[in-house]
N, C-alpha and C. Protein backbone atom coordinates (compact mmCIF):
# COMPACT_ATOMS: atom_id res chain seq x y z
N UNK A 1 55.76 -23.63 -35.69
CA UNK A 1 55.01 -22.68 -34.87
C UNK A 1 54.82 -21.46 -35.77
N UNK A 2 55.50 -21.38 -36.72
CA UNK A 2 55.00 -20.07 -37.51
C UNK A 2 54.11 -20.63 -38.89
N UNK A 3 53.01 -20.31 -39.20
CA UNK A 3 52.30 -20.63 -40.12
C UNK A 3 51.60 -19.41 -41.06
N UNK A 4 52.72 -18.87 -41.88
CA UNK A 4 52.22 -17.71 -42.66
C UNK A 4 51.26 -18.33 -43.55
N UNK A 5 50.51 -17.44 -44.41
CA UNK A 5 49.86 -17.99 -45.56
C UNK A 5 49.62 -16.77 -46.69
N UNK A 6 49.39 -17.29 -47.86
CA UNK A 6 49.32 -16.26 -48.94
C UNK A 6 47.72 -16.35 -49.22
N UNK A 7 47.06 -16.92 -48.63
CA UNK A 7 45.53 -17.06 -48.93
C UNK A 7 44.68 -16.72 -47.48
N UNK A 8 45.11 -16.99 -46.38
CA UNK A 8 44.09 -16.97 -45.37
C UNK A 8 43.58 -15.32 -45.08
N UNK A 9 42.47 -15.63 -44.69
CA UNK A 9 41.80 -14.24 -44.37
C UNK A 9 42.01 -13.84 -42.91
N UNK A 10 42.21 -14.85 -42.01
CA UNK A 10 42.54 -14.68 -40.41
C UNK A 10 43.74 -14.87 -40.25
N UNK A 11 44.28 -14.30 -39.28
CA UNK A 11 45.55 -14.41 -38.47
C UNK A 11 45.49 -14.40 -37.01
N UNK A 12 46.19 -15.59 -36.77
CA UNK A 12 45.75 -15.63 -35.04
C UNK A 12 47.59 -15.34 -34.74
N UNK A 13 47.58 -14.16 -33.85
CA UNK A 13 48.91 -14.03 -33.29
C UNK A 13 48.88 -13.98 -31.98
N UNK A 14 49.61 -14.74 -31.48
CA UNK A 14 49.82 -15.14 -30.21
C UNK A 14 51.33 -14.58 -29.66
N UNK A 15 51.71 -15.23 -28.25
CA UNK A 15 52.89 -14.88 -27.93
C UNK A 15 53.88 -15.84 -28.47
N UNK A 16 54.36 -16.92 -27.56
CA UNK A 16 55.16 -17.73 -27.92
C UNK A 16 55.00 -19.17 -27.72
N UNK A 17 55.69 -20.02 -28.34
CA UNK A 17 55.23 -21.57 -28.10
C UNK A 17 55.63 -21.88 -26.72
N UNK A 18 54.76 -22.79 -26.01
CA UNK A 18 55.39 -23.04 -24.49
C UNK A 18 55.96 -24.62 -24.83
N UNK A 19 56.71 -25.20 -23.82
CA UNK A 19 57.64 -26.16 -23.96
C UNK A 19 56.84 -27.31 -24.66
N UNK A 20 55.62 -27.78 -24.27
CA UNK A 20 54.82 -28.71 -25.01
C UNK A 20 54.60 -28.58 -26.38
N UNK A 21 54.12 -27.32 -26.89
CA UNK A 21 53.83 -27.05 -28.15
C UNK A 21 55.26 -26.75 -28.94
N UNK A 22 56.39 -26.46 -28.28
CA UNK A 22 57.61 -26.32 -29.09
C UNK A 22 58.01 -27.66 -29.54
N UNK A 23 57.90 -28.80 -28.43
CA UNK A 23 58.07 -30.35 -28.85
C UNK A 23 57.52 -30.74 -30.01
N UNK A 24 55.84 -30.26 -29.98
CA UNK A 24 55.16 -30.79 -30.95
C UNK A 24 55.52 -30.40 -32.37
N UNK A 25 55.88 -29.11 -32.47
CA UNK A 25 56.10 -28.66 -33.86
C UNK A 25 54.91 -27.95 -34.48
N UNK A 26 53.77 -27.99 -33.49
CA UNK A 26 52.54 -27.53 -34.25
C UNK A 26 51.82 -26.57 -33.28
N UNK A 27 51.48 -25.28 -33.35
CA UNK A 27 51.05 -24.26 -32.66
C UNK A 27 49.75 -24.75 -32.00
N UNK A 28 49.47 -24.42 -30.67
CA UNK A 28 48.49 -24.68 -29.85
C UNK A 28 48.16 -26.14 -29.83
N UNK A 29 48.79 -27.01 -29.59
CA UNK A 29 48.69 -28.43 -29.26
C UNK A 29 48.67 -28.53 -27.99
N UNK A 30 47.78 -27.76 -27.15
CA UNK A 30 47.88 -28.04 -25.85
C UNK A 30 46.64 -27.65 -25.16
N UNK A 31 46.42 -27.66 -23.97
CA UNK A 31 44.98 -27.22 -23.34
C UNK A 31 44.38 -25.60 -23.74
N UNK A 32 45.83 -24.90 -23.91
CA UNK A 32 45.35 -23.53 -24.40
C UNK A 32 44.86 -23.49 -26.05
N UNK A 33 45.12 -24.46 -26.61
CA UNK A 33 44.75 -24.42 -28.17
C UNK A 33 43.41 -25.17 -28.31
N UNK A 34 43.14 -25.96 -27.31
CA UNK A 34 41.62 -26.45 -27.23
C UNK A 34 40.90 -25.46 -26.62
N UNK A 35 41.19 -24.48 -25.74
CA UNK A 35 40.45 -23.52 -25.55
C UNK A 35 40.04 -22.51 -26.77
N UNK A 36 41.30 -22.18 -27.33
CA UNK A 36 41.05 -21.15 -28.34
C UNK A 36 40.20 -21.72 -29.24
N UNK A 37 40.30 -22.99 -29.75
CA UNK A 37 39.66 -23.61 -30.69
C UNK A 37 37.99 -23.65 -30.74
N UNK A 38 37.73 -23.79 -29.21
CA UNK A 38 36.51 -23.74 -28.91
C UNK A 38 35.88 -22.47 -28.65
N UNK A 39 36.67 -21.40 -28.40
CA UNK A 39 36.29 -19.81 -28.55
C UNK A 39 35.86 -19.67 -29.83
N UNK A 40 36.51 -20.03 -30.85
CA UNK A 40 36.34 -19.90 -32.09
C UNK A 40 35.28 -20.99 -32.86
N UNK A 41 35.00 -21.76 -32.21
CA UNK A 41 33.88 -22.93 -32.60
C UNK A 41 34.61 -23.62 -34.02
N UNK A 42 36.13 -23.96 -33.95
CA UNK A 42 36.66 -24.49 -35.03
C UNK A 42 37.05 -25.95 -34.48
N UNK A 43 37.06 -26.85 -35.47
CA UNK A 43 37.37 -28.15 -35.26
C UNK A 43 39.17 -28.02 -35.69
N UNK A 44 39.83 -28.99 -35.14
CA UNK A 44 41.28 -29.14 -35.54
C UNK A 44 41.82 -28.78 -36.80
N UNK A 45 40.95 -29.58 -37.88
CA UNK A 45 41.07 -29.36 -39.21
C UNK A 45 41.02 -28.03 -39.92
N UNK A 46 39.77 -27.27 -39.42
CA UNK A 46 39.58 -26.00 -39.60
C UNK A 46 40.88 -25.06 -39.17
N UNK A 47 41.09 -25.15 -38.03
CA UNK A 47 42.07 -24.17 -37.30
C UNK A 47 43.50 -24.26 -37.93
N UNK A 48 43.85 -25.54 -38.38
CA UNK A 48 45.02 -25.81 -38.87
C UNK A 48 44.99 -25.78 -40.29
N UNK A 49 44.07 -25.41 -41.28
CA UNK A 49 43.80 -25.22 -42.43
C UNK A 49 44.43 -23.91 -42.94
N UNK A 50 45.97 -23.84 -43.12
CA UNK A 50 46.83 -22.73 -43.50
C UNK A 50 46.19 -21.71 -44.64
N UNK A 51 45.29 -22.36 -45.51
CA UNK A 51 44.74 -21.94 -46.63
C UNK A 51 43.56 -20.70 -45.90
N UNK A 52 43.49 -20.99 -44.83
CA UNK A 52 42.45 -19.92 -44.43
C UNK A 52 42.65 -19.29 -43.23
N UNK A 53 43.59 -19.85 -42.31
CA UNK A 53 44.07 -19.09 -41.02
C UNK A 53 45.46 -19.35 -41.09
N UNK A 54 46.47 -18.07 -41.05
CA UNK A 54 47.77 -17.96 -40.55
C UNK A 54 47.79 -18.08 -39.14
N UNK A 55 49.22 -18.16 -38.89
CA UNK A 55 49.41 -18.22 -37.22
C UNK A 55 50.89 -17.67 -37.23
N UNK A 56 50.89 -16.30 -36.46
CA UNK A 56 52.19 -15.75 -36.32
C UNK A 56 52.52 -15.39 -35.16
N UNK A 57 53.21 -16.23 -34.53
CA UNK A 57 53.27 -15.68 -32.71
C UNK A 57 54.25 -14.47 -32.79
N UNK A 58 54.37 -14.09 -31.50
CA UNK A 58 55.35 -12.91 -31.35
C UNK A 58 56.85 -13.67 -31.39
N UNK A 59 57.16 -14.74 -30.60
CA UNK A 59 58.30 -15.23 -30.53
C UNK A 59 58.09 -16.86 -31.25
N UNK A 60 58.84 -17.15 -32.22
CA UNK A 60 59.00 -18.35 -32.80
C UNK A 60 59.39 -19.88 -32.18
N UNK A 61 59.77 -19.62 -31.19
CA UNK A 61 60.44 -20.87 -30.48
C UNK A 61 60.23 -20.71 -28.79
N UNK A 62 60.18 -21.64 -28.20
CA UNK A 62 59.99 -21.43 -26.73
C UNK A 62 61.37 -20.77 -26.06
N UNK A 63 60.95 -19.69 -25.37
CA UNK A 63 61.77 -18.66 -25.06
C UNK A 63 62.72 -19.25 -23.40
N UNK A 64 61.95 -20.28 -23.03
CA UNK A 64 62.81 -20.88 -21.89
C UNK A 64 62.08 -20.36 -20.69
N UNK A 65 62.53 -20.76 -19.39
CA UNK A 65 61.70 -20.57 -18.05
C UNK A 65 62.61 -19.47 -17.25
N UNK A 66 61.83 -18.88 -16.36
CA UNK A 66 62.22 -18.00 -15.33
C UNK A 66 62.66 -18.70 -14.07
N UNK A 67 62.90 -18.21 -13.27
CA UNK A 67 63.54 -18.90 -12.14
C UNK A 67 62.37 -19.52 -11.26
N UNK A 68 61.25 -18.87 -11.47
CA UNK A 68 59.96 -19.64 -10.73
C UNK A 68 59.54 -20.61 -11.77
N UNK A 69 60.02 -20.87 -12.72
CA UNK A 69 59.32 -21.90 -13.64
C UNK A 69 58.32 -21.42 -14.77
N UNK A 70 58.10 -20.22 -14.74
CA UNK A 70 57.13 -19.57 -15.73
C UNK A 70 57.86 -19.35 -16.95
N UNK A 71 57.12 -19.53 -18.02
CA UNK A 71 57.65 -18.90 -19.48
C UNK A 71 58.29 -17.63 -19.39
N UNK A 72 59.34 -17.48 -20.07
CA UNK A 72 59.66 -16.15 -20.15
C UNK A 72 59.18 -15.38 -21.34
N UNK A 73 59.33 -13.97 -21.46
CA UNK A 73 58.44 -13.53 -22.44
C UNK A 73 59.01 -13.95 -24.06
N UNK A 74 58.27 -13.65 -25.07
CA UNK A 74 58.85 -13.99 -26.38
C UNK A 74 60.10 -13.33 -26.80
N UNK A 75 60.88 -13.89 -27.35
CA UNK A 75 62.25 -13.12 -27.81
C UNK A 75 61.80 -11.91 -28.58
N UNK A 76 62.35 -11.07 -28.41
CA UNK A 76 62.10 -9.49 -29.17
C UNK A 76 62.48 -9.68 -30.86
N UNK A 77 63.57 -10.37 -30.84
CA UNK A 77 64.01 -10.21 -32.08
C UNK A 77 63.36 -11.12 -33.34
N UNK A 78 62.41 -11.98 -32.95
CA UNK A 78 61.59 -12.56 -33.66
C UNK A 78 60.60 -11.28 -34.35
N UNK A 79 59.79 -10.72 -33.33
CA UNK A 79 59.15 -9.58 -33.93
C UNK A 79 59.71 -8.55 -34.65
N UNK A 80 60.86 -7.77 -34.21
CA UNK A 80 61.61 -7.04 -34.87
C UNK A 80 62.00 -7.37 -36.03
N UNK A 81 62.39 -8.44 -36.25
CA UNK A 81 62.99 -8.94 -37.13
C UNK A 81 62.32 -9.40 -38.57
N UNK A 82 61.01 -10.08 -38.10
CA UNK A 82 60.38 -10.76 -39.12
C UNK A 82 58.67 -10.24 -39.23
N UNK A 83 58.31 -9.70 -38.34
CA UNK A 83 56.78 -9.22 -38.19
C UNK A 83 56.27 -8.51 -39.22
N UNK A 84 57.09 -7.11 -39.56
CA UNK A 84 56.64 -6.36 -40.84
C UNK A 84 56.95 -7.07 -42.21
N UNK A 85 57.86 -8.05 -42.28
CA UNK A 85 58.25 -8.50 -43.52
C UNK A 85 56.84 -9.48 -43.81
N UNK A 86 56.69 -10.42 -42.51
CA UNK A 86 55.64 -11.41 -42.86
C UNK A 86 54.24 -10.83 -43.03
N UNK A 87 53.85 -9.76 -42.51
CA UNK A 87 52.74 -9.12 -42.59
C UNK A 87 52.51 -8.38 -44.07
N UNK A 88 53.81 -7.99 -44.60
CA UNK A 88 53.83 -7.26 -46.05
C UNK A 88 53.32 -8.21 -47.07
N UNK A 89 53.92 -9.49 -46.83
CA UNK A 89 53.45 -10.73 -47.56
C UNK A 89 51.94 -11.18 -47.57
N UNK A 90 51.45 -10.78 -46.63
CA UNK A 90 49.88 -11.19 -46.52
C UNK A 90 48.81 -10.13 -46.40
N UNK A 91 48.93 -9.28 -47.66
CA UNK A 91 48.05 -8.41 -47.58
C UNK A 91 46.42 -8.73 -47.88
N UNK A 92 46.12 -9.98 -48.01
CA UNK A 92 44.93 -10.58 -48.00
C UNK A 92 44.10 -10.64 -46.56
N UNK A 93 44.87 -10.37 -45.66
CA UNK A 93 44.34 -10.68 -44.46
C UNK A 93 43.19 -9.51 -43.92
N UNK A 94 42.09 -10.39 -43.18
CA UNK A 94 40.95 -9.29 -43.19
C UNK A 94 40.59 -9.30 -41.72
N UNK A 95 41.34 -10.19 -40.87
CA UNK A 95 41.13 -9.97 -39.45
C UNK A 95 42.35 -10.60 -38.70
N UNK A 96 42.87 -9.99 -37.62
CA UNK A 96 43.81 -10.18 -36.75
C UNK A 96 43.57 -10.60 -35.60
N UNK A 97 43.79 -11.66 -34.82
CA UNK A 97 43.36 -11.83 -33.48
C UNK A 97 44.67 -11.81 -32.87
N UNK A 98 44.46 -10.88 -31.99
CA UNK A 98 45.48 -10.62 -31.03
C UNK A 98 45.58 -11.20 -29.68
N UNK A 99 46.12 -12.64 -29.76
CA UNK A 99 46.01 -13.29 -28.44
C UNK A 99 47.02 -13.11 -27.48
N UNK A 100 46.64 -12.46 -26.32
CA UNK A 100 47.43 -12.38 -25.03
C UNK A 100 48.13 -10.78 -25.36
N UNK A 101 48.66 -10.55 -24.05
CA UNK A 101 49.13 -9.10 -24.23
C UNK A 101 50.54 -8.71 -24.96
N UNK A 102 51.53 -9.52 -25.11
CA UNK A 102 52.56 -9.35 -26.03
C UNK A 102 51.83 -9.06 -27.58
N UNK A 103 51.04 -9.95 -28.09
CA UNK A 103 50.48 -9.76 -29.45
C UNK A 103 49.68 -8.43 -29.21
N UNK A 104 48.83 -8.08 -28.26
CA UNK A 104 47.96 -7.03 -28.13
C UNK A 104 49.04 -5.78 -28.18
N UNK A 105 49.97 -5.69 -27.37
CA UNK A 105 50.76 -4.28 -27.60
C UNK A 105 51.39 -4.31 -29.02
N UNK A 106 51.67 -5.29 -29.70
CA UNK A 106 52.33 -5.19 -30.89
C UNK A 106 51.16 -4.68 -31.91
N UNK A 107 50.06 -5.49 -32.03
CA UNK A 107 49.00 -5.13 -32.98
C UNK A 107 48.06 -4.20 -32.90
N UNK A 108 47.82 -3.98 -31.59
CA UNK A 108 47.09 -3.00 -31.23
C UNK A 108 47.45 -1.62 -30.73
N UNK A 109 48.58 -1.61 -30.56
CA UNK A 109 49.22 -0.26 -30.14
C UNK A 109 49.77 -0.39 -28.91
N UNK A 110 50.51 0.32 -28.64
CA UNK A 110 51.35 0.36 -27.11
C UNK A 110 50.70 1.39 -26.36
N UNK A 111 49.58 2.37 -26.76
CA UNK A 111 48.93 3.19 -26.08
C UNK A 111 47.88 2.88 -25.27
N UNK A 112 47.70 1.57 -25.20
CA UNK A 112 46.53 0.69 -24.48
C UNK A 112 46.68 1.03 -23.10
N UNK A 113 46.23 1.78 -22.38
CA UNK A 113 46.45 2.12 -20.80
C UNK A 113 45.28 1.35 -20.14
N UNK A 114 44.46 0.73 -20.93
CA UNK A 114 43.26 0.16 -20.17
C UNK A 114 43.48 -1.52 -19.91
N UNK A 115 44.78 -1.77 -20.33
CA UNK A 115 45.09 -3.26 -19.95
C UNK A 115 44.44 -4.23 -21.11
N UNK A 116 44.50 -5.58 -20.64
CA UNK A 116 43.94 -6.54 -21.42
C UNK A 116 42.35 -6.25 -21.44
N UNK A 117 41.65 -6.10 -20.37
CA UNK A 117 40.23 -6.03 -20.37
C UNK A 117 39.97 -4.75 -21.30
N UNK A 118 40.54 -3.53 -21.26
CA UNK A 118 40.21 -2.40 -22.16
C UNK A 118 40.44 -3.01 -23.39
N UNK A 119 41.57 -3.59 -24.07
CA UNK A 119 41.80 -4.01 -25.17
C UNK A 119 40.70 -5.04 -25.77
N UNK A 120 40.29 -6.10 -25.01
CA UNK A 120 39.34 -6.97 -25.44
C UNK A 120 37.97 -6.13 -25.41
N UNK A 121 37.60 -5.42 -24.49
CA UNK A 121 36.64 -4.95 -24.61
C UNK A 121 36.22 -3.93 -25.60
N UNK A 122 36.85 -3.64 -26.51
CA UNK A 122 36.79 -2.69 -27.53
C UNK A 122 36.86 -3.72 -28.84
N UNK A 123 36.10 -4.77 -28.72
CA UNK A 123 36.29 -5.63 -29.63
C UNK A 123 35.04 -5.17 -30.77
N UNK A 124 34.13 -4.41 -30.38
CA UNK A 124 32.82 -3.87 -31.32
C UNK A 124 33.80 -2.77 -32.18
N UNK A 125 34.59 -2.09 -31.44
CA UNK A 125 35.33 -1.11 -32.40
C UNK A 125 36.28 -2.24 -33.62
N UNK A 126 37.08 -2.85 -33.08
CA UNK A 126 37.86 -3.73 -34.02
C UNK A 126 37.04 -4.30 -35.32
N UNK A 127 35.85 -4.83 -34.93
CA UNK A 127 35.03 -5.48 -36.07
C UNK A 127 34.44 -4.12 -37.03
N UNK A 128 34.20 -3.32 -36.60
CA UNK A 128 33.35 -2.06 -37.21
C UNK A 128 34.28 -1.18 -37.83
N UNK A 129 35.66 -1.45 -37.39
CA UNK A 129 36.76 -0.24 -38.28
C UNK A 129 36.86 -0.44 -39.32
N UNK A 130 37.40 0.49 -40.00
CA UNK A 130 37.72 0.53 -41.50
C UNK A 130 38.90 0.25 -41.89
N UNK A 131 39.84 0.05 -41.01
CA UNK A 131 41.35 -0.15 -41.34
C UNK A 131 41.37 -1.70 -41.58
N UNK A 132 42.31 -1.82 -42.25
CA UNK A 132 42.24 -3.50 -42.81
C UNK A 132 43.78 -4.04 -42.56
N UNK A 133 43.97 -4.96 -41.94
CA UNK A 133 43.18 -5.89 -41.43
C UNK A 133 42.56 -5.40 -40.01
N UNK A 134 41.13 -5.70 -39.81
CA UNK A 134 40.53 -5.31 -38.91
C UNK A 134 41.43 -6.12 -37.59
N UNK A 135 41.36 -5.95 -36.22
CA UNK A 135 41.99 -6.32 -34.88
C UNK A 135 40.93 -6.52 -33.76
N UNK A 136 41.20 -7.53 -33.42
CA UNK A 136 40.57 -8.06 -32.25
C UNK A 136 41.37 -8.63 -31.11
N UNK A 137 41.39 -7.96 -30.07
CA UNK A 137 42.17 -8.63 -28.80
C UNK A 137 41.53 -9.69 -28.33
N UNK A 138 41.97 -10.65 -27.85
CA UNK A 138 41.63 -11.96 -26.89
C UNK A 138 42.53 -11.96 -25.88
N UNK A 139 41.90 -12.48 -24.86
CA UNK A 139 42.78 -12.80 -23.79
C UNK A 139 43.56 -14.28 -24.15
N UNK A 140 44.76 -14.61 -23.42
CA UNK A 140 45.20 -15.87 -24.02
C UNK A 140 44.60 -16.75 -23.27
N UNK A 141 44.46 -17.78 -23.92
CA UNK A 141 43.36 -19.20 -23.54
C UNK A 141 43.97 -19.74 -22.34
N UNK A 142 44.77 -19.32 -21.84
CA UNK A 142 45.48 -20.32 -20.64
C UNK A 142 44.68 -20.45 -19.46
N UNK A 143 44.85 -21.55 -18.76
CA UNK A 143 44.17 -21.45 -17.66
C UNK A 143 44.49 -20.41 -16.41
N UNK A 144 45.66 -19.58 -16.75
CA UNK A 144 45.90 -18.48 -15.72
C UNK A 144 44.70 -17.74 -16.10
N UNK A 145 43.97 -17.29 -16.97
CA UNK A 145 42.92 -16.28 -17.15
C UNK A 145 41.40 -16.82 -16.71
N UNK A 146 41.47 -18.05 -16.15
CA UNK A 146 40.02 -18.42 -15.74
C UNK A 146 39.43 -17.37 -14.86
N UNK A 147 40.19 -16.75 -13.90
CA UNK A 147 39.66 -15.70 -12.83
C UNK A 147 39.16 -14.33 -13.87
N UNK A 148 39.87 -14.19 -14.67
CA UNK A 148 39.36 -13.03 -15.60
C UNK A 148 38.16 -13.48 -16.39
N UNK A 149 38.04 -14.63 -17.13
CA UNK A 149 36.83 -15.03 -17.73
C UNK A 149 35.69 -15.00 -16.63
N UNK A 150 35.88 -15.48 -15.79
CA UNK A 150 34.80 -15.51 -14.55
C UNK A 150 34.48 -13.92 -14.21
N UNK A 151 35.50 -12.95 -14.11
CA UNK A 151 34.87 -11.76 -13.69
C UNK A 151 34.46 -10.81 -14.95
N UNK A 152 34.56 -11.28 -16.28
CA UNK A 152 34.10 -10.69 -17.52
C UNK A 152 33.18 -11.52 -18.25
N UNK A 153 31.96 -11.87 -17.84
CA UNK A 153 31.24 -13.00 -18.51
C UNK A 153 30.74 -12.37 -19.91
N UNK A 154 31.05 -10.98 -20.05
CA UNK A 154 30.42 -10.63 -21.34
C UNK A 154 31.39 -11.11 -22.74
N UNK A 155 32.67 -11.58 -22.24
CA UNK A 155 33.41 -12.09 -23.33
C UNK A 155 32.58 -13.29 -23.92
N UNK A 156 32.25 -14.22 -23.35
CA UNK A 156 31.49 -15.15 -23.61
C UNK A 156 30.14 -15.23 -24.11
N UNK A 157 29.28 -14.14 -23.49
CA UNK A 157 28.02 -14.15 -23.95
C UNK A 157 28.05 -13.07 -24.91
N UNK A 158 28.89 -12.31 -25.08
CA UNK A 158 28.76 -11.13 -26.31
C UNK A 158 29.69 -11.30 -27.34
N UNK A 159 31.07 -11.33 -26.97
CA UNK A 159 32.10 -11.36 -28.08
C UNK A 159 31.93 -12.44 -28.57
N UNK A 160 32.20 -13.67 -27.85
CA UNK A 160 32.28 -14.75 -28.81
C UNK A 160 31.32 -15.30 -29.76
N UNK A 161 29.88 -15.04 -29.28
CA UNK A 161 29.11 -15.43 -30.61
C UNK A 161 29.12 -14.55 -31.76
N UNK A 162 29.64 -13.34 -31.69
CA UNK A 162 29.71 -12.42 -33.08
C UNK A 162 31.16 -12.93 -33.51
N UNK A 163 32.18 -13.18 -32.70
CA UNK A 163 33.37 -13.52 -33.33
C UNK A 163 33.45 -14.93 -34.02
N UNK A 164 32.41 -15.84 -33.42
CA UNK A 164 32.26 -17.07 -33.99
C UNK A 164 31.74 -16.95 -35.50
N UNK A 165 30.56 -15.97 -35.69
CA UNK A 165 30.18 -15.71 -36.81
C UNK A 165 30.91 -15.07 -37.93
N UNK A 166 31.80 -14.17 -37.34
CA UNK A 166 32.67 -13.75 -38.41
C UNK A 166 33.91 -14.42 -38.60
N UNK A 167 34.17 -15.22 -37.85
CA UNK A 167 35.32 -16.28 -38.34
C UNK A 167 34.87 -17.24 -39.31
N UNK A 168 33.33 -17.76 -39.32
CA UNK A 168 32.47 -18.44 -40.10
C UNK A 168 32.61 -17.84 -41.46
N UNK A 169 32.26 -16.58 -41.40
CA UNK A 169 31.92 -15.71 -42.45
C UNK A 169 33.08 -15.68 -43.51
N UNK A 170 34.28 -15.33 -42.65
CA UNK A 170 35.74 -15.36 -43.22
C UNK A 170 36.09 -16.49 -43.80
N UNK A 171 35.85 -17.50 -43.31
CA UNK A 171 36.55 -18.91 -43.86
C UNK A 171 35.54 -19.52 -44.90
N UNK A 172 34.44 -18.56 -45.07
CA UNK A 172 33.46 -19.15 -46.21
C UNK A 172 32.75 -20.41 -45.74
N UNK A 173 32.41 -20.63 -44.49
CA UNK A 173 31.79 -21.83 -44.14
C UNK A 173 30.48 -21.07 -43.13
N UNK A 174 29.49 -22.00 -43.06
CA UNK A 174 28.30 -21.49 -42.12
C UNK A 174 27.94 -22.84 -41.39
N UNK A 175 26.86 -22.38 -40.88
CA UNK A 175 26.30 -23.30 -40.25
C UNK A 175 26.81 -23.47 -38.51
N UNK A 176 26.30 -24.20 -37.59
CA UNK A 176 26.37 -24.55 -36.29
C UNK A 176 27.84 -25.53 -36.12
N UNK A 177 28.51 -25.18 -34.88
CA UNK A 177 29.72 -26.13 -34.60
C UNK A 177 29.25 -27.55 -34.49
N UNK A 178 30.12 -28.30 -34.55
CA UNK A 178 29.84 -29.75 -34.10
C UNK A 178 29.45 -29.92 -32.68
N UNK A 179 29.29 -31.05 -32.35
CA UNK A 179 28.99 -31.35 -30.77
C UNK A 179 30.53 -31.45 -30.35
N UNK A 180 31.61 -31.88 -30.94
CA UNK A 180 33.17 -31.90 -30.63
C UNK A 180 33.75 -30.40 -30.29
N UNK A 181 33.22 -29.58 -31.22
CA UNK A 181 33.54 -28.18 -31.19
C UNK A 181 33.20 -27.32 -30.13
N UNK A 182 31.94 -27.73 -30.01
CA UNK A 182 31.02 -27.17 -28.72
C UNK A 182 31.14 -27.70 -27.46
N UNK A 183 32.03 -28.81 -27.35
CA UNK A 183 32.13 -29.58 -25.96
C UNK A 183 33.26 -29.12 -25.31
N UNK A 184 33.89 -28.21 -25.97
CA UNK A 184 35.36 -27.45 -25.39
C UNK A 184 34.77 -26.45 -24.60
N UNK A 185 34.68 -26.27 -23.40
CA UNK A 185 34.20 -25.38 -22.53
C UNK A 185 34.99 -24.06 -22.55
N UNK A 186 34.43 -22.94 -22.70
CA UNK A 186 35.34 -21.67 -23.03
C UNK A 186 35.60 -21.03 -21.97
């Protein structure tokens, strides 16, 4: 689940692996991962290239389920014990994508009173900021956020094209996504 990198310029920071991803041993090997790769216009090969993209979740293992069958929050000891150490050895990072509320609170600060919509809505500030690494909040790519995506069409029409361009720039690649990349409905 954890894929730190000494050379990646982008770090995807998410919450914790779900049961399917935990069993696979590779992050984002589920429909959420398909959607995230489509959002970023990356093939699986590009996405999992640890030389270019690091993946550091808030929790490193499946945290279990609550009484209603939903995933529990990421285990706090992972972030408390390891995040400062991990990010200290990845000074080359230029962009952190904080995917979902848990990652947003850690990487974007706890003072965010506007919730996810406010955090994601400040994407222009994140890209224009002078602090390094720059930080952009993204909603979790789960189906649970479909209503949010419908209610916030600016995410797909304004943020994603600029984010895709920035990801391509940081990865040192250019050009349009392939049909396979473009076919994943964001």
